[in-house]
Amino acid sequence: MEDITFENWEQLPSLADADAAELAEAIRYVLDAKRGKDIAVIPVEGRSDITDCFVLSSANSGTHVRALADEVEFRMGQRGVQPLHTDGGDQRDWMVVDFGTVIVHVFNREAREFYHLDKLYAEPKTSAEED
């Protein structure tokens, strides 16, 4: 996605029928372009009943948390994908944008460290890796 700019974002193909991996990558791009920090795409298919993938990002401040979540919602809307639900708009530490197959979590640094979803949903080690 290196050749993509937001000037031509709307002209790109719709993501309405995209799989979770493709949607997560587009979301990762938006977060990165708007200076999200420590962005992680975590596949959870088969380990979660609610989604196939989490995208996590840290923000520098409460205002940045809101700006990142709003930008993801806006840019995905331009590509034909609307969130099923958004939560945390009144808070300044964590917002969630739910696209069904992908759920986006935008945290301030303290909330990300406290909830530590990265570790909670890390790929389980195989018995060979544990030895």
N, C-alpha and C. Protein backbone atom coordinates (compact mmCIF):
# COMPACT_ATOMS: atom_id res chain seq x y z
N MET A 1 0.81 -1.20 0.00
CA MET A 1 0.00 0.00 0.00
C MET A 1 0.85 1.26 0.00
N GLU A 2 2.14 1.14 -0.26
CA GLU A 2 3.03 2.29 -0.19
C GLU A 2 2.68 3.37 -1.20
N ASP A 3 2.09 3.03 -2.36
CA ASP A 3 1.79 4.01 -3.39
C ASP A 3 0.48 4.74 -3.14
N ILE A 4 -0.24 4.36 -2.12
CA ILE A 4 -1.54 4.93 -1.86
C ILE A 4 -1.40 6.21 -1.05
N THR A 5 -2.14 7.21 -1.46
CA THR A 5 -2.23 8.44 -0.68
C THR A 5 -3.71 8.69 -0.41
N PHE A 6 -3.97 9.53 0.56
CA PHE A 6 -5.37 9.81 0.85
C PHE A 6 -6.02 10.65 -0.26
N GLU A 7 -5.22 11.25 -1.12
CA GLU A 7 -5.79 12.00 -2.25
C GLU A 7 -6.53 11.07 -3.21
N ASN A 8 -6.06 9.83 -3.36
CA ASN A 8 -6.72 8.89 -4.26
C ASN A 8 -7.44 7.76 -3.51
N TRP A 9 -7.57 7.88 -2.20
CA TRP A 9 -8.15 6.84 -1.36
C TRP A 9 -9.55 6.44 -1.82
N GLU A 10 -10.41 7.43 -2.10
CA GLU A 10 -11.79 7.15 -2.50
C GLU A 10 -11.87 6.42 -3.85
N GLN A 11 -10.85 6.56 -4.67
CA GLN A 11 -10.86 5.95 -5.99
C GLN A 11 -10.41 4.49 -5.96
N LEU A 12 -9.92 4.04 -4.82
CA LEU A 12 -9.52 2.64 -4.70
C LEU A 12 -10.75 1.75 -4.65
N PRO A 13 -10.59 0.46 -4.95
CA PRO A 13 -11.74 -0.45 -4.93
C PRO A 13 -12.40 -0.50 -3.55
N SER A 14 -13.68 -0.77 -3.57
CA SER A 14 -14.44 -0.92 -2.33
C SER A 14 -13.87 -2.08 -1.51
N LEU A 15 -13.94 -1.92 -0.21
CA LEU A 15 -13.53 -2.99 0.71
C LEU A 15 -14.74 -3.69 1.31
N ALA A 16 -15.93 -3.42 0.77
CA ALA A 16 -17.16 -3.98 1.33
C ALA A 16 -17.13 -5.51 1.38
N ASP A 17 -16.48 -6.14 0.43
CA ASP A 17 -16.41 -7.60 0.39
C ASP A 17 -15.03 -8.13 0.76
N ALA A 18 -14.21 -7.28 1.36
CA ALA A 18 -12.84 -7.68 1.71
C ALA A 18 -12.84 -8.68 2.85
N ASP A 19 -11.84 -9.56 2.84
CA ASP A 19 -11.69 -10.47 3.98
C ASP A 19 -11.04 -9.71 5.13
N ALA A 20 -10.98 -10.34 6.29
CA ALA A 20 -10.48 -9.68 7.49
C ALA A 20 -9.04 -9.20 7.32
N ALA A 21 -8.21 -10.00 6.68
CA ALA A 21 -6.80 -9.63 6.52
C ALA A 21 -6.65 -8.38 5.66
N GLU A 22 -7.40 -8.29 4.58
CA GLU A 22 -7.31 -7.13 3.69
C GLU A 22 -7.86 -5.88 4.39
N LEU A 23 -8.96 -6.02 5.09
CA LEU A 23 -9.53 -4.90 5.82
C LEU A 23 -8.58 -4.43 6.93
N ALA A 24 -8.00 -5.37 7.66
CA ALA A 24 -7.06 -5.03 8.73
C ALA A 24 -5.85 -4.29 8.18
N GLU A 25 -5.35 -4.70 7.02
CA GLU A 25 -4.20 -4.03 6.42
C GLU A 25 -4.55 -2.59 6.02
N ALA A 26 -5.73 -2.37 5.48
CA ALA A 26 -6.16 -1.01 5.12
C ALA A 26 -6.28 -0.15 6.38
N ILE A 27 -6.80 -0.71 7.45
CA ILE A 27 -6.92 0.01 8.72
C ILE A 27 -5.54 0.32 9.29
N ARG A 28 -4.63 -0.64 9.21
CA ARG A 28 -3.26 -0.43 9.67
C ARG A 28 -2.63 0.74 8.92
N TYR A 29 -2.88 0.81 7.62
CA TYR A 29 -2.34 1.90 6.81
C TYR A 29 -2.86 3.25 7.30
N VAL A 30 -4.16 3.34 7.55
CA VAL A 30 -4.76 4.60 8.02
C VAL A 30 -4.16 5.00 9.36
N LEU A 31 -4.08 4.06 10.29
CA LEU A 31 -3.51 4.37 11.60
C LEU A 31 -2.06 4.82 11.49
N ASP A 32 -1.28 4.16 10.66
CA ASP A 32 0.12 4.52 10.48
C ASP A 32 0.24 5.91 9.86
N ALA A 33 -0.58 6.20 8.87
CA ALA A 33 -0.53 7.51 8.20
C ALA A 33 -0.89 8.65 9.15
N LYS A 34 -1.69 8.36 10.15
CA LYS A 34 -2.11 9.38 11.12
C LYS A 34 -1.32 9.27 12.43
N ARG A 35 -0.17 8.65 12.35
CA ARG A 35 0.79 8.57 13.45
C ARG A 35 0.34 7.75 14.66
N GLY A 36 -0.43 6.70 14.39
CA GLY A 36 -0.69 5.72 15.44
C GLY A 36 0.63 5.06 15.80
N LYS A 37 0.76 4.62 17.03
CA LYS A 37 2.01 4.03 17.51
C LYS A 37 1.82 2.56 17.83
N ASP A 38 2.88 1.78 17.68
CA ASP A 38 2.88 0.36 18.06
C ASP A 38 1.66 -0.38 17.50
N ILE A 39 1.42 -0.21 16.22
CA ILE A 39 0.26 -0.83 15.57
C ILE A 39 0.49 -2.34 15.47
N ALA A 40 -0.52 -3.09 15.88
CA ALA A 40 -0.44 -4.56 15.82
C ALA A 40 -1.70 -5.10 15.16
N VAL A 41 -1.52 -6.00 14.23
CA VAL A 41 -2.63 -6.73 13.62
C VAL A 41 -2.54 -8.15 14.18
N ILE A 42 -3.60 -8.56 14.89
CA ILE A 42 -3.58 -9.85 15.58
C ILE A 42 -4.73 -10.72 15.06
N PRO A 43 -4.42 -11.76 14.28
CA PRO A 43 -5.46 -12.69 13.85
C PRO A 43 -5.96 -13.49 15.05
N VAL A 44 -7.26 -13.54 15.24
CA VAL A 44 -7.83 -14.28 16.38
C VAL A 44 -8.91 -15.27 15.92
N GLU A 45 -9.00 -15.49 14.62
CA GLU A 45 -9.98 -16.44 14.10
C GLU A 45 -9.74 -17.80 14.75
N GLY A 46 -10.80 -18.42 15.25
CA GLY A 46 -10.70 -19.69 15.93
C GLY A 46 -10.39 -19.57 17.41
N ARG A 47 -10.00 -18.37 17.86
CA ARG A 47 -9.73 -18.14 19.28
C ARG A 47 -10.68 -17.11 19.88
N SER A 48 -11.50 -16.51 19.03
CA SER A 48 -12.47 -15.52 19.48
C SER A 48 -13.79 -15.78 18.77
N ASP A 49 -14.87 -15.67 19.50
CA ASP A 49 -16.19 -15.86 18.91
C ASP A 49 -16.74 -14.56 18.33
N ILE A 50 -16.07 -13.44 18.56
CA ILE A 50 -16.64 -12.17 18.15
C ILE A 50 -16.03 -11.56 16.89
N THR A 51 -14.83 -11.96 16.52
CA THR A 51 -14.17 -11.36 15.36
C THR A 51 -13.07 -12.28 14.84
N ASP A 52 -12.53 -11.92 13.68
CA ASP A 52 -11.43 -12.66 13.09
C ASP A 52 -10.08 -11.99 13.33
N CYS A 53 -10.10 -10.68 13.62
CA CYS A 53 -8.85 -9.96 13.71
C CYS A 53 -9.01 -8.72 14.58
N PHE A 54 -7.99 -8.45 15.37
CA PHE A 54 -7.90 -7.20 16.12
C PHE A 54 -6.82 -6.34 15.48
N VAL A 55 -7.06 -5.04 15.43
CA VAL A 55 -6.02 -4.08 15.09
C VAL A 55 -5.89 -3.18 16.30
N LEU A 56 -4.68 -3.13 16.87
CA LEU A 56 -4.42 -2.33 18.07
C LEU A 56 -3.49 -1.19 17.71
N SER A 57 -3.74 -0.03 18.31
CA SER A 57 -2.86 1.11 18.11
C SER A 57 -2.82 1.94 19.38
N SER A 58 -1.66 2.50 19.67
CA SER A 58 -1.53 3.45 20.76
C SER A 58 -1.60 4.86 20.19
N ALA A 59 -2.02 5.78 21.05
CA ALA A 59 -2.11 7.19 20.69
C ALA A 59 -1.36 8.00 21.73
N ASN A 60 -0.99 9.21 21.36
CA ASN A 60 -0.20 10.07 22.24
C ASN A 60 -1.02 10.78 23.31
N SER A 61 -2.32 10.92 23.10
CA SER A 61 -3.17 11.67 24.02
C SER A 61 -4.62 11.25 23.83
N GLY A 62 -5.49 11.72 24.69
CA GLY A 62 -6.91 11.44 24.53
C GLY A 62 -7.46 12.01 23.24
N THR A 63 -7.00 13.17 22.86
CA THR A 63 -7.43 13.78 21.60
C THR A 63 -6.97 12.92 20.42
N HIS A 64 -5.77 12.38 20.50
CA HIS A 64 -5.24 11.53 19.44
C HIS A 64 -6.01 10.21 19.36
N VAL A 65 -6.42 9.66 20.52
CA VAL A 65 -7.26 8.44 20.54
C VAL A 65 -8.50 8.69 19.68
N ARG A 66 -9.20 9.77 19.97
CA ARG A 66 -10.44 10.09 19.24
C ARG A 66 -10.17 10.35 17.77
N ALA A 67 -9.10 11.09 17.48
CA ALA A 67 -8.78 11.41 16.08
C ALA A 67 -8.47 10.15 15.27
N LEU A 68 -7.72 9.22 15.85
CA LEU A 68 -7.41 7.98 15.13
C LEU A 68 -8.67 7.16 14.87
N ALA A 69 -9.52 7.00 15.88
CA ALA A 69 -10.75 6.22 15.70
C ALA A 69 -11.65 6.89 14.66
N ASP A 70 -11.78 8.20 14.73
CA ASP A 70 -12.60 8.92 13.75
C ASP A 70 -12.05 8.78 12.34
N GLU A 71 -10.72 8.84 12.20
CA GLU A 71 -10.10 8.73 10.88
C GLU A 71 -10.31 7.34 10.29
N VAL A 72 -10.18 6.31 11.10
CA VAL A 72 -10.43 4.95 10.62
C VAL A 72 -11.87 4.83 10.14
N GLU A 73 -12.81 5.32 10.93
CA GLU A 73 -14.21 5.25 10.54
C GLU A 73 -14.47 6.02 9.24
N PHE A 74 -13.90 7.21 9.12
CA PHE A 74 -14.08 8.03 7.92
C PHE A 74 -13.46 7.37 6.69
N ARG A 75 -12.21 6.95 6.80
CA ARG A 75 -11.52 6.38 5.63
C ARG A 75 -12.11 5.04 5.20
N MET A 76 -12.53 4.22 6.13
CA MET A 76 -13.16 2.96 5.75
C MET A 76 -14.52 3.23 5.11
N GLY A 77 -15.24 4.24 5.59
CA GLY A 77 -16.50 4.64 4.96
C GLY A 77 -16.30 5.05 3.51
N GLN A 78 -15.19 5.73 3.24
CA GLN A 78 -14.88 6.10 1.86
C GLN A 78 -14.66 4.89 0.98
N ARG A 79 -14.28 3.78 1.58
CA ARG A 79 -14.04 2.54 0.83
C ARG A 79 -15.20 1.57 0.93
N GLY A 80 -16.37 2.04 1.41
CA GLY A 80 -17.58 1.23 1.41
C GLY A 80 -17.81 0.38 2.63
N VAL A 81 -17.08 0.64 3.73
CA VAL A 81 -17.21 -0.17 4.93
C VAL A 81 -17.60 0.73 6.10
N GLN A 82 -18.75 0.46 6.68
CA GLN A 82 -19.22 1.21 7.84
C GLN A 82 -19.09 0.35 9.09
N PRO A 83 -18.75 0.95 10.22
CA PRO A 83 -18.65 0.17 11.45
C PRO A 83 -20.02 -0.31 11.91
N LEU A 84 -20.03 -1.47 12.53
CA LEU A 84 -21.25 -1.98 13.13
C LEU A 84 -21.54 -1.24 14.44
N HIS A 85 -20.46 -0.84 15.11
CA HIS A 85 -20.58 -0.18 16.41
C HIS A 85 -19.28 0.54 16.73
N THR A 86 -19.41 1.66 17.41
CA THR A 86 -18.25 2.39 17.93
C THR A 86 -18.51 2.64 19.40
N ASP A 87 -17.49 2.47 20.22
CA ASP A 87 -17.67 2.66 21.66
C ASP A 87 -16.48 3.40 22.24
N GLY A 88 -16.73 4.15 23.30
CA GLY A 88 -15.67 4.87 24.01
C GLY A 88 -15.55 6.31 23.63
N GLY A 89 -16.49 6.84 22.86
CA GLY A 89 -16.41 8.22 22.40
C GLY A 89 -16.38 9.25 23.51
N ASP A 90 -16.93 8.92 24.66
CA ASP A 90 -16.93 9.84 25.79
C ASP A 90 -15.67 9.71 26.64
N GLN A 91 -14.86 8.71 26.33
CA GLN A 91 -13.65 8.47 27.11
C GLN A 91 -12.44 8.97 26.32
N ARG A 92 -11.34 9.09 27.01
CA ARG A 92 -10.14 9.59 26.35
C ARG A 92 -9.00 8.58 26.42
N ASP A 93 -9.30 7.36 26.89
CA ASP A 93 -8.22 6.40 27.03
C ASP A 93 -8.33 5.20 26.10
N TRP A 94 -9.53 4.89 25.60
CA TRP A 94 -9.70 3.70 24.76
C TRP A 94 -10.95 3.84 23.92
N MET A 95 -10.83 3.64 22.63
CA MET A 95 -11.98 3.60 21.73
C MET A 95 -11.94 2.31 20.93
N VAL A 96 -13.12 1.80 20.64
CA VAL A 96 -13.27 0.58 19.87
C VAL A 96 -14.14 0.88 18.65
N VAL A 97 -13.69 0.43 17.48
CA VAL A 97 -14.46 0.55 16.25
C VAL A 97 -14.62 -0.87 15.71
N ASP A 98 -15.86 -1.33 15.67
CA ASP A 98 -16.17 -2.72 15.32
C ASP A 98 -16.66 -2.81 13.88
N PHE A 99 -15.88 -3.47 13.04
CA PHE A 99 -16.25 -3.70 11.64
C PHE A 99 -16.71 -5.14 11.41
N GLY A 100 -17.00 -5.86 12.45
CA GLY A 100 -17.44 -7.25 12.33
C GLY A 100 -16.26 -8.20 12.30
N THR A 101 -15.67 -8.38 11.14
CA THR A 101 -14.53 -9.30 11.03
C THR A 101 -13.25 -8.70 11.60
N VAL A 102 -13.24 -7.38 11.78
CA VAL A 102 -12.08 -6.68 12.35
C VAL A 102 -12.58 -5.72 13.42
N ILE A 103 -11.95 -5.77 14.58
CA ILE A 103 -12.25 -4.82 15.65
C ILE A 103 -10.99 -4.02 15.92
N VAL A 104 -11.14 -2.71 15.87
CA VAL A 104 -10.02 -1.79 16.07
C VAL A 104 -10.07 -1.26 17.50
N HIS A 105 -8.94 -1.34 18.19
CA HIS A 105 -8.79 -0.79 19.55
C HIS A 105 -7.74 0.31 19.48
N VAL A 106 -8.12 1.51 19.87
CA VAL A 106 -7.17 2.63 19.94
C VAL A 106 -7.07 3.05 21.40
N PHE A 107 -5.87 2.97 21.95
CA PHE A 107 -5.64 3.23 23.37
C PHE A 107 -4.67 4.39 23.56
N ASN A 108 -4.77 5.04 24.73
CA ASN A 108 -3.63 5.84 25.15
C ASN A 108 -2.62 4.84 25.71
N ARG A 109 -1.42 5.27 25.97
CA ARG A 109 -0.35 4.34 26.38
C ARG A 109 -0.69 3.61 27.68
N GLU A 110 -1.24 4.32 28.65
CA GLU A 110 -1.53 3.71 29.95
C GLU A 110 -2.59 2.62 29.83
N ALA A 111 -3.64 2.87 29.07
CA ALA A 111 -4.71 1.88 28.91
C ALA A 111 -4.19 0.66 28.16
N ARG A 112 -3.36 0.87 27.16
CA ARG A 112 -2.82 -0.27 26.41
C ARG A 112 -1.96 -1.15 27.31
N GLU A 113 -1.16 -0.52 28.15
CA GLU A 113 -0.33 -1.30 29.07
C GLU A 113 -1.18 -2.02 30.11
N PHE A 114 -2.24 -1.38 30.57
CA PHE A 114 -3.09 -1.97 31.60
C PHE A 114 -3.86 -3.19 31.07
N TYR A 115 -4.52 -3.04 29.90
CA TYR A 115 -5.34 -4.13 29.36
C TYR A 115 -4.51 -5.17 28.62
N HIS A 116 -3.41 -4.78 28.06
CA HIS A 116 -2.42 -5.66 27.42
C HIS A 116 -3.04 -6.74 26.52
N LEU A 117 -3.90 -6.28 25.61
CA LEU A 117 -4.53 -7.23 24.67
C LEU A 117 -3.49 -7.91 23.78
N ASP A 118 -2.37 -7.23 23.54
CA ASP A 118 -1.31 -7.85 22.72
C ASP A 118 -0.90 -9.19 23.32
N LYS A 119 -0.70 -9.21 24.63
CA LYS A 119 -0.27 -10.44 25.30
C LYS A 119 -1.42 -11.43 25.44
N LEU A 120 -2.60 -10.92 25.77
CA LEU A 120 -3.77 -11.78 25.96
C LEU A 120 -4.09 -12.58 24.69
N TYR A 121 -3.96 -11.93 23.53
CA TYR A 121 -4.30 -12.59 22.27
C TYR A 121 -3.08 -12.98 21.44
N ALA A 122 -1.92 -13.02 22.04
CA ALA A 122 -0.72 -13.46 21.32
C ALA A 122 -0.91 -14.90 20.86
N GLU A 123 -0.26 -15.22 19.78
CA GLU A 123 -0.34 -16.59 19.26
C GLU A 123 0.11 -17.56 20.35
N PRO A 124 -0.67 -18.59 20.61
CA PRO A 124 -0.24 -19.58 21.63
C PRO A 124 1.00 -20.31 21.14
N LYS A 125 1.89 -20.59 22.06
CA LYS A 125 3.12 -21.32 21.71
C LYS A 125 2.79 -22.79 21.49
N THR A 126 3.49 -23.37 20.53
CA THR A 126 3.36 -24.81 20.31
C THR A 126 4.25 -25.52 21.32
N SER A 127 4.04 -26.79 21.52
CA SER A 127 4.84 -27.53 22.48
C SER A 127 6.33 -27.52 22.07
N ALA A 128 6.64 -27.47 20.79
CA ALA A 128 8.03 -27.43 20.33
C ALA A 128 8.68 -26.10 20.71
N GLU A 129 7.91 -24.99 20.68
CA GLU A 129 8.46 -23.68 21.04
C GLU A 129 8.69 -23.55 22.54
N GLU A 130 7.93 -24.27 23.33
CA GLU A 130 8.03 -24.18 24.79
C GLU A 130 9.26 -24.91 25.31
N ASP A 131 9.75 -25.92 24.56
CA ASP A 131 10.90 -26.72 25.01
C ASP A 131 12.19 -25.97 24.86
